[in-house]
Amino acid sequence: MSVKFFVYLLTMVVVLYAMDALRMNEIFKKNRVFQARLFYLLVLLALTYLVANFIMDFFLSSQIY
């Protein structure tokens, strides 16, 4: 398995932990559970992608990797 996979996995756990602090119930309308969960999942995946790519680019550009 590649290093990139582990970076994505670790980043997903960190982003999920960080997103757990948000009050998502106040943002969405009542009885829109599926849409709220879908939005939460999409934001989780998008933030994971962005943060993991930032980490990988940072290490590659600084030659620490």
C-alpha atoms as a PDB file:
ATOM      1  CA  MET A   1       0.000   0.000   0.000  1.00  0.00           C
ATOM      2  CA  SER A   2       1.188   3.457  -0.778  1.00  0.00           C
ATOM      3  CA  VAL A   3       1.934   6.304   1.581  1.00  0.00           C
ATOM      4  CA  LYS A   4      -0.770   8.387  -0.083  1.00  0.00           C
ATOM      5  CA  PHE A   5      -3.430   5.884   1.020  1.00  0.00           C
ATOM      6  CA  PHE A   6      -2.345   6.190   4.649  1.00  0.00           C
ATOM      7  CA  VAL A   7      -2.271   9.975   4.421  1.00  0.00           C
ATOM      8  CA  TYR A   8      -5.847   9.950   3.096  1.00  0.00           C
ATOM      9  CA  LEU A   9      -6.948   7.527   5.810  1.00  0.00           C
ATOM     10  CA  LEU A  10      -5.339   9.507   8.618  1.00  0.00           C
ATOM     11  CA  THR A  11      -6.667  12.774   7.217  1.00  0.00           C
ATOM     12  CA  MET A  12     -10.191  11.361   6.974  1.00  0.00           C
ATOM     13  CA  VAL A  13     -10.123  10.422  10.654  1.00  0.00           C
ATOM     14  CA  VAL A  14      -8.878  13.888  11.637  1.00  0.00           C
ATOM     15  CA  VAL A  15     -11.461  15.674   9.467  1.00  0.00           C
ATOM     16  CA  LEU A  16     -14.252  13.456  10.821  1.00  0.00           C
ATOM     17  CA  TYR A  17     -13.138  14.272  14.364  1.00  0.00           C
ATOM     18  CA  ALA A  18     -13.077  17.991  13.561  1.00  0.00           C
ATOM     19  CA  MET A  19     -16.483  17.942  11.852  1.00  0.00           C
ATOM     20  CA  ASP A  20     -17.989  16.210  14.868  1.00  0.00           C
ATOM     21  CA  ALA A  21     -17.729  19.533  16.713  1.00  0.00           C
ATOM     22  CA  LEU A  22     -20.181  21.227  14.315  1.00  0.00           C
ATOM     23  CA  ARG A  23     -23.893  21.504  15.020  1.00  0.00           C
ATOM     24  CA  MET A  24     -25.186  20.275  11.694  1.00  0.00           C
ATOM     25  CA  ASN A  25     -28.792  19.972  12.914  1.00  0.00           C
ATOM     26  CA  GLU A  26     -29.211  23.729  13.060  1.00  0.00           C
ATOM     27  CA  ILE A  27     -28.183  24.226   9.441  1.00  0.00           C
ATOM     28  CA  PHE A  28     -30.743  21.961   7.775  1.00  0.00           C
ATOM     29  CA  LYS A  29     -34.498  21.965   7.637  1.00  0.00           C
ATOM     30  CA  LYS A  30     -36.444  19.494   9.724  1.00  0.00           C
ATOM     31  CA  ASN A  31     -37.116  16.018   8.284  1.00  0.00           C
ATOM     32  CA  ARG A  32     -34.236  16.324   5.786  1.00  0.00           C
ATOM     33  CA  VAL A  33     -32.096  13.600   7.347  1.00  0.00           C
ATOM     34  CA  PHE A  34     -30.898  11.988   4.108  1.00  0.00           C
ATOM     35  CA  GLN A  35     -29.903  15.311   2.580  1.00  0.00           C
ATOM     36  CA  ALA A  36     -28.075  16.337   5.753  1.00  0.00           C
ATOM     37  CA  ARG A  37     -26.140  13.053   5.861  1.00  0.00           C
ATOM     38  CA  LEU A  38     -25.301  13.302   2.172  1.00  0.00           C
ATOM     39  CA  PHE A  39     -24.034  16.858   2.627  1.00  0.00           C
ATOM     40  CA  TYR A  40     -21.988  15.785   5.662  1.00  0.00           C
ATOM     41  CA  LEU A  41     -20.431  12.949   3.650  1.00  0.00           C
ATOM     42  CA  LEU A  42     -19.618  15.189   0.677  1.00  0.00           C
ATOM     43  CA  VAL A  43     -18.028  17.824   2.896  1.00  0.00           C
ATOM     44  CA  LEU A  44     -16.045  15.112   4.671  1.00  0.00           C
ATOM     45  CA  LEU A  45     -14.726  13.729   1.390  1.00  0.00           C
ATOM     46  CA  ALA A  46     -13.949  17.162  -0.046  1.00  0.00           C
ATOM     47  CA  LEU A  47     -12.068  18.320   3.044  1.00  0.00           C
ATOM     48  CA  THR A  48     -10.195  15.024   3.219  1.00  0.00           C
ATOM     49  CA  TYR A  49      -9.113  15.384  -0.404  1.00  0.00           C
ATOM     50  CA  LEU A  50      -8.007  18.996   0.029  1.00  0.00           C
ATOM     51  CA  VAL A  51      -6.133  18.502   3.292  1.00  0.00           C
ATOM     52  CA  ALA A  52      -4.439  15.264   2.178  1.00  0.00           C
ATOM     53  CA  ASN A  53      -3.296  16.834  -1.086  1.00  0.00           C
ATOM     54  CA  PHE A  54      -2.010  19.869   0.798  1.00  0.00           C
ATOM     55  CA  ILE A  55      -0.001  17.619   3.125  1.00  0.00           C
ATOM     56  CA  MET A  56       1.391  15.568   0.245  1.00  0.00           C
ATOM     57  CA  ASP A  57       2.317  18.688  -1.753  1.00  0.00           C
ATOM     58  CA  PHE A  58       3.879  20.298   1.297  1.00  0.00           C
ATOM     59  CA  PHE A  59       6.117  17.304   1.961  1.00  0.00           C
ATOM     60  CA  LEU A  60       7.005  16.853  -1.681  1.00  0.00           C
ATOM     61  CA  SER A  61       7.911  20.497  -2.148  1.00  0.00           C
ATOM     62  CA  SER A  62       9.989  20.624   1.013  1.00  0.00           C
ATOM     63  CA  GLN A  63      11.863  17.414   0.091  1.00  0.00           C
ATOM     64  CA  ILE A  64      11.090  15.826   3.464  1.00  0.00           C
ATOM     65  CA  TYR A  65       9.051  13.088   1.826  1.00  0.00           C
END
